PDB file of N, CA and C in Angstrom:
ATOM      1  N   MET A   1      12.288  33.559  -1.313  1.00  0.00           N
ATOM      2  CA  MET A   1      10.982  32.593  -2.051  1.00  0.00           C
ATOM      3  C   MET A   1       9.978  32.806  -1.435  1.00  0.00           C
ATOM      4  N   SER A   2       8.876  32.849  -2.283  1.00  0.00           N
ATOM      5  CA  SER A   2       7.382  33.381  -2.126  1.00  0.00           C
ATOM      6  C   SER A   2       6.822  32.185  -1.184  1.00  0.00           C
ATOM      7  N   LYS A   3       5.840  32.397  -0.699  1.00  0.00           N
ATOM      8  CA  LYS A   3       5.241  31.202   0.005  1.00  0.00           C
ATOM      9  C   LYS A   3       4.510  29.988  -0.988  1.00  0.00           C
ATOM     10  N   LYS A   4       4.133  30.671  -2.277  1.00  0.00           N
ATOM     11  CA  LYS A   4       3.648  29.648  -3.283  1.00  0.00           C
ATOM     12  C   LYS A   4       4.710  28.871  -3.908  1.00  0.00           C
ATOM     13  N   GLN A   5       5.953  29.314  -3.916  1.00  0.00           N
ATOM     14  CA  GLN A   5       7.102  28.589  -4.431  1.00  0.00           C
ATOM     15  C   GLN A   5       7.417  27.437  -3.341  1.00  0.00           C
ATOM     16  N   THR A   6       7.293  27.971  -2.086  1.00  0.00           N
ATOM     17  CA  THR A   6       7.643  27.024  -1.126  1.00  0.00           C
ATOM     18  C   THR A   6       6.536  25.797  -1.184  1.00  0.00           C
ATOM     19  N   ILE A   7       5.387  26.096  -1.099  1.00  0.00           N
ATOM     20  CA  ILE A   7       4.232  25.004  -0.974  1.00  0.00           C
ATOM     21  C   ILE A   7       4.495  24.193  -2.457  1.00  0.00           C
ATOM     22  N   ILE A   8       4.821  24.662  -3.308  1.00  0.00           N
ATOM     23  CA  ILE A   8       4.897  23.750  -4.749  1.00  0.00           C
ATOM     24  C   ILE A   8       6.451  23.018  -4.649  1.00  0.00           C
ATOM     25  N   THR A   9       7.299  23.701  -4.257  1.00  0.00           N
ATOM     26  CA  THR A   9       8.369  22.699  -3.847  1.00  0.00           C
ATOM     27  C   THR A   9       8.500  21.632  -2.854  1.00  0.00           C
ATOM     28  N   ILE A  10       7.796  21.834  -1.780  1.00  0.00           N
ATOM     29  CA  ILE A  10       7.363  20.807  -0.812  1.00  0.00           C
ATOM     30  C   ILE A  10       6.592  19.961  -1.566  1.00  0.00           C
ATOM     31  N   TYR A  11       5.546  20.161  -2.226  1.00  0.00           N
ATOM     32  CA  TYR A  11       4.776  19.040  -2.966  1.00  0.00           C
ATOM     33  C   TYR A  11       5.541  18.263  -3.962  1.00  0.00           C
ATOM     34  N   LEU A  12       6.463  18.890  -4.746  1.00  0.00           N
ATOM     35  CA  LEU A  12       6.969  18.250  -5.822  1.00  0.00           C
ATOM     36  C   LEU A  12       7.965  17.180  -5.100  1.00  0.00           C
ATOM     37  N   VAL A  13       8.683  17.757  -3.940  1.00  0.00           N
ATOM     38  CA  VAL A  13       9.856  17.046  -3.124  1.00  0.00           C
ATOM     39  C   VAL A  13       8.990  15.530  -2.449  1.00  0.00           C
ATOM     40  N   ILE A  14       8.010  15.838  -1.863  1.00  0.00           N
ATOM     41  CA  ILE A  14       7.062  14.962  -1.259  1.00  0.00           C
ATOM     42  C   ILE A  14       6.621  13.766  -2.748  1.00  0.00           C
ATOM     43  N   GLY A  15       6.138  14.426  -3.836  1.00  0.00           N
ATOM     44  CA  GLY A  15       6.045  13.623  -4.815  1.00  0.00           C
ATOM     45  C   GLY A  15       7.233  12.582  -5.374  1.00  0.00           C
ATOM     46  N   LEU A  16       8.390  13.171  -5.517  1.00  0.00           N
ATOM     47  CA  LEU A  16       9.410  12.817  -5.944  1.00  0.00           C
ATOM     48  C   LEU A  16       9.985  11.517  -4.854  1.00  0.00           C
ATOM     49  N   LEU A  17       9.632  11.828  -3.602  1.00  0.00           N
ATOM     50  CA  LEU A  17      10.068  10.664  -2.258  1.00  0.00           C
ATOM     51  C   LEU A  17       9.087   9.746  -2.871  1.00  0.00           C
ATOM     52  N   PHE A  18       7.848   9.817  -2.882  1.00  0.00           N
ATOM     53  CA  PHE A  18       6.858   8.882  -2.796  1.00  0.00           C
ATOM     54  C   PHE A  18       6.930   8.106  -4.180  1.00  0.00           C
ATOM     55  N   GLY A  19       7.292   8.772  -5.197  1.00  0.00           N
ATOM     56  CA  GLY A  19       7.572   8.095  -6.458  1.00  0.00           C
ATOM     57  C   GLY A  19       8.955   6.995  -6.330  1.00  0.00           C
ATOM     58  N   LEU A  20       9.951   7.518  -5.662  1.00  0.00           N
ATOM     59  CA  LEU A  20      11.181   6.598  -5.393  1.00  0.00           C
ATOM     60  C   LEU A  20      10.755   5.577  -4.500  1.00  0.00           C
ATOM     61  N   TYR A  21       9.825   5.532  -3.513  1.00  0.00           N
ATOM     62  CA  TYR A  21       9.425   4.976  -2.581  1.00  0.00           C
ATOM     63  C   TYR A  21       9.000   3.706  -3.393  1.00  0.00           C
ATOM     64  N   GLN A  22       7.868   4.153  -4.177  1.00  0.00           N
ATOM     65  CA  GLN A  22       7.063   3.259  -4.943  1.00  0.00           C
ATOM     66  C   GLN A  22       7.934   2.334  -5.922  1.00  0.00           C
ATOM     67  N   TRP A  23       9.145   2.779  -6.268  1.00  0.00           N
ATOM     68  CA  TRP A  23      10.043   2.347  -7.373  1.00  0.00           C
ATOM     69  C   TRP A  23      10.608   1.317  -6.674  1.00  0.00           C
ATOM     70  N   PHE A  24      11.304   1.599  -5.370  1.00  0.00           N
ATOM     71  CA  PHE A  24      12.139   0.613  -4.772  1.00  0.00           C
ATOM     72  C   PHE A  24      11.381  -0.509  -3.955  1.00  0.00           C
ATOM     73  N   LEU A  25      10.514   0.099  -3.188  1.00  0.00           N
ATOM     74  CA  LEU A  25       9.913  -1.038  -2.237  1.00  0.00           C
ATOM     75  C   LEU A  25       8.346  -0.965  -2.397  1.00  0.00           C
ATOM     76  N   GLY A  26       7.698  -0.214  -3.100  1.00  0.00           N
ATOM     77  CA  GLY A  26       6.122  -0.397  -3.183  1.00  0.00           C
ATOM     78  C   GLY A  26       5.741  -1.383  -3.984  1.00  0.00           C
ATOM     79  N   PRO A  27       4.158  -1.416  -4.111  1.00  0.00           N
ATOM     80  CA  PRO A  27       3.791  -2.518  -4.921  1.00  0.00           C
ATOM     81  C   PRO A  27       3.965  -2.604  -6.224  1.00  0.00           C
ATOM     82  N   MET A  28       4.159  -1.350  -6.924  1.00  0.00           N
ATOM     83  CA  MET A  28       4.681  -1.156  -8.289  1.00  0.00           C
ATOM     84  C   MET A  28       6.027  -1.130  -8.271  1.00  0.00           C
ATOM     85  N   ALA A  29       7.018  -1.881  -7.842  1.00  0.00           N
ATOM     86  CA  ALA A  29       8.188  -1.963  -7.856  1.00  0.00           C
ATOM     87  C   ALA A  29       8.473  -2.423  -9.418  1.00  0.00           C
ATOM     88  N   TYR A  30       7.955  -3.261  -9.982  1.00  0.00           N
ATOM     89  CA  TYR A  30       8.100  -3.928 -11.353  1.00  0.00           C
ATOM     90  C   TYR A  30       7.713  -3.165 -12.377  1.00  0.00           C
ATOM     91  N   LYS A  31       7.231  -2.065 -12.007  1.00  0.00           N
ATOM     92  CA  LYS A  31       7.008  -0.710 -13.097  1.00  0.00           C
ATOM     93  C   LYS A  31       8.281   0.193 -13.011  1.00  0.00           C
ATOM     94  N   GLY A  32       8.562   0.742 -14.089  1.00  0.00           N
ATOM     95  CA  GLY A  32       9.672   1.802 -14.542  1.00  0.00           C
ATOM     96  C   GLY A  32       9.696   2.982 -13.478  1.00  0.00           C
ATOM     97  N   LEU A  33      10.765   3.404 -13.473  1.00  0.00           N
ATOM     98  CA  LEU A  33      10.876   4.694 -12.783  1.00  0.00           C
ATOM     99  C   LEU A  33      10.074   5.849 -13.161  1.00  0.00           C
ATOM    100  N   MET A  34      10.071   5.845 -14.402  1.00  0.00           N
ATOM    101  CA  MET A  34       9.150   7.093 -14.568  1.00  0.00           C
ATOM    102  C   MET A  34       7.493   6.927 -14.455  1.00  0.00           C
ATOM    103  N   TYR A  35       7.165   5.756 -14.607  1.00  0.00           N
ATOM    104  CA  TYR A  35       5.713   5.323 -14.087  1.00  0.00           C
ATOM    105  C   TYR A  35       5.630   5.953 -12.704  1.00  0.00           C
ATOM    106  N   ASN A  36       6.361   5.221 -11.953  1.00  0.00           N
ATOM    107  CA  ASN A  36       6.323   5.763 -10.483  1.00  0.00           C
ATOM    108  C   ASN A  36       6.489   7.144 -10.371  1.00  0.00           C
ATOM    109  N   LEU A  37       7.212   7.766 -10.970  1.00  0.00           N
ATOM    110  CA  LEU A  37       7.359   9.349 -10.656  1.00  0.00           C
ATOM    111  C   LEU A  37       6.337   9.963 -11.093  1.00  0.00           C
ATOM    112  N   GLY A  38       5.427   9.535 -12.043  1.00  0.00           N
ATOM    113  CA  GLY A  38       4.368  10.297 -12.599  1.00  0.00           C
ATOM    114  C   GLY A  38       3.123   9.864 -11.308  1.00  0.00           C
ATOM    115  N   ARG A  39       3.089   8.539 -10.868  1.00  0.00           N
ATOM    116  CA  ARG A  39       2.346   8.165  -9.908  1.00  0.00           C
ATOM    117  C   ARG A  39       2.668   9.311  -8.553  1.00  0.00           C
ATOM    118  N   GLY A  40       4.033   9.536  -8.638  1.00  0.00           N
ATOM    119  CA  GLY A  40       4.291  10.476  -7.289  1.00  0.00           C
ATOM    120  C   GLY A  40       3.768  12.027  -7.779  1.00  0.00           C
ATOM    121  N   LEU A  41       3.397  12.320  -8.580  1.00  0.00           N
ATOM    122  CA  LEU A  41       2.790  13.679  -8.909  1.00  0.00           C
ATOM    123  C   LEU A  41       1.550  13.675  -8.405  1.00  0.00           C
ATOM    124  N   VAL A  42       0.573  12.864  -8.358  1.00  0.00           N
ATOM    125  CA  VAL A  42      -0.498  12.507  -7.769  1.00  0.00           C
ATOM    126  C   VAL A  42      -0.796  12.021  -6.544  1.00  0.00           C
ATOM    127  N   TRP A  43       0.271  11.979  -5.877  1.00  0.00           N
ATOM    128  CA  TRP A  43       0.576  11.385  -4.390  1.00  0.00           C
ATOM    129  C   TRP A  43      -0.586  11.689  -3.427  1.00  0.00           C
ATOM    130  N   PRO A  44      -1.249  12.732  -3.223  1.00  0.00           N
ATOM    131  CA  PRO A  44      -2.377  12.656  -2.269  1.00  0.00           C
ATOM    132  C   PRO A  44      -3.589  12.017  -2.915  1.00  0.00           C
ATOM    133  N   ALA A  45      -3.684  11.848  -4.157  1.00  0.00           N
ATOM    134  CA  ALA A  45      -4.969  10.840  -4.695  1.00  0.00           C
ATOM    135  C   ALA A  45      -4.694   9.251  -4.308  1.00  0.00           C
ATOM    136  N   LEU A  46      -3.514   8.895  -4.261  1.00  0.00           N
ATOM    137  CA  LEU A  46      -3.131   7.703  -4.004  1.00  0.00           C
ATOM    138  C   LEU A  46      -2.847   7.257  -2.553  1.00  0.00           C
ATOM    139  N   MET A  47      -2.567   8.126  -1.739  1.00  0.00           N
ATOM    140  CA  MET A  47      -2.420   8.223  -0.506  1.00  0.00           C
ATOM    141  C   MET A  47      -3.894   8.173   0.396  1.00  0.00           C
ATOM    142  N   PHE A  48      -4.904   9.176  -0.281  1.00  0.00           N
ATOM    143  CA  PHE A  48      -5.946   9.325   0.116  1.00  0.00           C
ATOM    144  C   PHE A  48      -7.248   8.842  -0.562  1.00  0.00           C
ATOM    145  N   PRO A  49      -7.545   7.635  -0.777  1.00  0.00           N
ATOM    146  CA  PRO A  49      -8.469   7.373  -1.889  1.00  0.00           C
ATOM    147  C   PRO A  49      -9.728   8.119  -2.025  1.00  0.00           C
ATOM    148  N   ALA A  50     -10.329   8.624  -0.914  1.00  0.00           N
ATOM    149  CA  ALA A  50     -11.665   9.547  -1.054  1.00  0.00           C
ATOM    150  C   ALA A  50     -11.039  10.770  -1.733  1.00  0.00           C
ATOM    151  N   PHE A  51      -9.839  11.195  -1.544  1.00  0.00           N
ATOM    152  CA  PHE A  51      -9.431  12.463  -2.431  1.00  0.00           C
ATOM    153  C   PHE A  51      -9.397  12.224  -3.803  1.00  0.00           C
ATOM    154  N   GLY A  52      -8.895  10.948  -3.947  1.00  0.00           N
ATOM    155  CA  GLY A  52      -8.975  10.531  -5.390  1.00  0.00           C
ATOM    156  C   GLY A  52     -10.302  10.805  -6.296  1.00  0.00           C
ATOM    157  N   HIS A  53     -11.340  10.015  -5.339  1.00  0.00           N
ATOM    158  CA  HIS A  53     -12.581   9.886  -5.959  1.00  0.00           C
ATOM    159  C   HIS A  53     -13.184  11.641  -6.109  1.00  0.00           C
ATOM    160  N   ALA A  54     -12.797  12.385  -5.207  1.00  0.00           N
ATOM    161  CA  ALA A  54     -13.393  13.645  -5.631  1.00  0.00           C
ATOM    162  C   ALA A  54     -12.644  14.315  -6.548  1.00  0.00           C
ATOM    163  N   ILE A  55     -11.382  14.055  -6.875  1.00  0.00           N
ATOM    164  CA  ILE A  55     -10.698  14.599  -8.143  1.00  0.00           C
ATOM    165  C   ILE A  55     -11.468  14.311  -9.145  1.00  0.00           C
ATOM    166  N   GLY A  56     -11.748  12.724  -9.329  1.00  0.00           N
ATOM    167  CA  GLY A  56     -12.183  12.120 -10.344  1.00  0.00           C
ATOM    168  C   GLY A  56     -13.786  12.720 -10.397  1.00  0.00           C
ATOM    169  N   ALA A  57     -14.702  12.939  -9.572  1.00  0.00           N
ATOM    170  CA  ALA A  57     -15.838  13.576  -9.815  1.00  0.00           C
ATOM    171  C   ALA A  57     -15.706  14.959 -10.324  1.00  0.00           C
ATOM    172  N   ILE A  58     -14.988  15.784  -9.829  1.00  0.00           N
ATOM    173  CA  ILE A  58     -14.677  17.200 -10.365  1.00  0.00           C
ATOM    174  C   ILE A  58     -14.444  16.831 -11.873  1.00  0.00           C
ATOM    175  N   VAL A  59     -13.352  16.254 -12.438  1.00  0.00           N
ATOM    176  CA  VAL A  59     -13.228  16.147 -13.648  1.00  0.00           C
ATOM    177  C   VAL A  59     -14.249  15.657 -14.479  1.00  0.00           C
ATOM    178  N   ILE A  60     -14.974  14.765 -14.163  1.00  0.00           N
ATOM    179  CA  ILE A  60     -16.061  14.183 -14.886  1.00  0.00           C
ATOM    180  C   ILE A  60     -17.332  15.534 -14.792  1.00  0.00           C
ATOM    181  N   VAL A  61     -17.477  16.187 -13.866  1.00  0.00           N
ATOM    182  CA  VAL A  61     -18.319  17.232 -14.124  1.00  0.00           C
ATOM    183  C   VAL A  61     -17.845  18.319 -15.008  1.00  0.00           C
ATOM    184  N   VAL A  62     -16.814  18.645 -14.778  1.00  0.00           N
ATOM    185  CA  VAL A  62     -16.023  19.641 -15.969  1.00  0.00           C
ATOM    186  C   VAL A  62     -16.167  19.021 -17.222  1.00  0.00           C
ATOM    187  N   LEU A  63     -15.893  17.744 -17.519  1.00  0.00           N
ATOM    188  CA  LEU A  63     -16.193  17.313 -19.007  1.00  0.00           C
ATOM    189  C   LEU A  63     -17.380  17.554 -19.523  1.00  0.00           C
ATOM    190  N   VAL A  64     -18.426  17.154 -18.472  1.00  0.00           N
ATOM    191  CA  VAL A  64     -19.935  17.241 -18.937  1.00  0.00           C
ATOM    192  C   VAL A  64     -20.179  18.648 -19.432  1.00  0.00           C
ATOM    193  N   ILE A  65     -19.641  19.322 -18.570  1.00  0.00           N
ATOM    194  CA  ILE A  65     -20.200  20.900 -18.841  1.00  0.00           C
ATOM    195  C   ILE A  65     -19.467  21.318 -20.156  1.00  0.00           C
ATOM    196  N   VAL A  66     -18.284  20.934 -20.298  1.00  0.00           N
ATOM    197  CA  VAL A  66     -17.500  21.381 -21.660  1.00  0.00           C
ATOM    198  C   VAL A  66     -18.476  20.561 -22.818  1.00  0.00           C
ATOM    199  N   VAL A  67     -18.893  19.409 -22.516  1.00  0.00           N
ATOM    200  CA  VAL A  67     -19.486  18.874 -23.807  1.00  0.00           C
ATOM    201  C   VAL A  67     -20.836  19.675 -23.908  1.00  0.00           C
ATOM    202  N   LEU A  68     -21.670  19.900 -22.908  1.00  0.00           N
ATOM    203  CA  LEU A  68     -22.675  20.492 -23.072  1.00  0.00           C
ATOM    204  C   LEU A  68     -22.669  21.902 -23.735  1.00  0.00           C
ATOM    205  N   VAL A  69     -21.432  22.657 -23.335  1.00  0.00           N
ATOM    206  CA  VAL A  69     -21.313  23.976 -23.837  1.00  0.00           C
ATOM    207  C   VAL A  69     -20.909  24.263 -25.286  1.00  0.00           C
ATOM    208  N   LEU A  70     -20.179  23.115 -25.708  1.00  0.00           N
ATOM    209  CA  LEU A  70     -19.499  23.091 -26.903  1.00  0.00           C
ATOM    210  C   LEU A  70     -20.700  22.281 -28.001  1.00  0.00           C
TER     211      LEU A  70
END
């Protein structure tokens, strides 16, 4: 197993555990399993709000550049 595969596997396992936790015990327990697993895929943005704001800023900048280029 390469180092890249190991890192991706660890990230996905943490996301799965985070999603299951949210589904059973978290504040979004009233939502469905798939919703919480989707939130689990972006767990760093949910655990660290500043990281989520940084990702949002990067997405906005990329979208503005794409609109200006096209």
